[in-house]
Amino acid sequence: MIRYPIAIEIGNETTAFGVIVPDLAGCFSAGDTLDEAIDNAKEAITLHIDGLFDDNETIPAPSP
């Protein structure tokens, strides 16, 4: 299983947790809780890679 690092912007009572995937340009997500944000990020990564694959684009390797 390939794992991409994510960056999380901490949310609070009025804003969601934001997530970006630095290795996948344009791949981002959010969630009302930290767990939801991480789960949504996993789904966003999968969908993003599926889109790259469908478009015959190169799938970037995750950074260490």
Protein backbone atom coordinates (compact mmCIF):
# COMPACT_ATOMS: atom_id res chain seq x y z
CA MET A 1 0.00 0.00 0.00
CA ILE A 2 1.31 3.41 -0.98
CA ARG A 3 0.90 6.14 1.62
CA TYR A 4 1.03 9.84 0.86
CA PRO A 5 1.82 12.36 3.60
CA ILE A 6 -0.91 14.88 4.38
CA ALA A 7 -0.91 18.31 5.99
CA ILE A 8 -3.78 19.11 8.34
CA GLU A 9 -5.08 22.55 9.20
CA ILE A 10 -6.65 22.33 12.64
CA GLY A 11 -10.34 23.11 12.83
CA ASN A 12 -12.47 24.35 15.71
CA GLU A 13 -16.13 24.74 16.64
CA THR A 14 -16.81 26.94 13.61
CA THR A 15 -14.39 25.67 10.94
CA ALA A 16 -13.60 22.23 9.56
CA PHE A 17 -10.23 20.50 9.64
CA GLY A 18 -8.58 21.09 6.27
CA VAL A 19 -6.31 18.55 4.60
CA ILE A 20 -3.95 18.89 1.65
CA VAL A 21 -1.82 16.24 -0.03
CA PRO A 22 1.41 18.01 -1.03
CA ASP A 23 2.54 15.26 -3.41
CA LEU A 24 -0.72 15.38 -5.40
CA ALA A 25 -1.28 18.87 -6.77
CA GLY A 26 -4.89 19.93 -6.32
CA CYS A 27 -5.76 17.08 -3.95
CA PHE A 28 -7.44 18.35 -0.78
CA SER A 29 -10.26 17.52 1.59
CA ALA A 30 -11.81 18.48 4.92
CA GLY A 31 -13.88 17.12 7.76
CA ASP A 32 -15.73 18.30 10.84
CA THR A 33 -13.53 16.11 13.06
CA LEU A 34 -9.91 15.02 12.75
CA ASP A 35 -10.95 11.41 12.10
CA GLU A 36 -13.43 12.50 9.42
CA ALA A 37 -10.80 14.72 7.80
CA ILE A 38 -8.33 11.82 7.61
CA ASP A 39 -10.97 9.44 6.23
CA ASN A 40 -12.01 12.04 3.65
CA ALA A 41 -8.36 12.59 2.71
CA LYS A 42 -7.96 8.86 2.01
CA GLU A 43 -10.98 8.99 -0.28
CA ALA A 44 -9.69 12.15 -1.99
CA ILE A 45 -6.32 10.50 -2.64
CA THR A 46 -7.98 7.43 -4.14
CA LEU A 47 -10.21 9.52 -6.39
CA HIS A 48 -7.34 11.78 -7.42
CA ILE A 49 -5.13 8.82 -8.38
CA ASP A 50 -8.03 7.17 -10.22
CA GLY A 51 -8.43 10.39 -12.23
CA LEU A 52 -4.72 10.51 -13.05
CA PHE A 53 -4.84 6.87 -14.12
CA ASP A 54 -7.92 7.43 -16.30
CA ASP A 55 -6.19 10.38 -17.98
CA ASN A 56 -2.99 8.34 -18.56
CA GLU A 57 -1.07 10.80 -16.36
CA THR A 58 1.96 9.93 -14.30
CA ILE A 59 1.13 9.05 -10.71
CA PRO A 60 3.61 10.85 -8.45
CA ALA A 61 5.58 8.85 -5.93
CA PRO A 62 4.96 9.81 -2.32
CA SER A 63 7.68 11.82 -0.62
CA PRO A 64 9.54 10.13 2.24
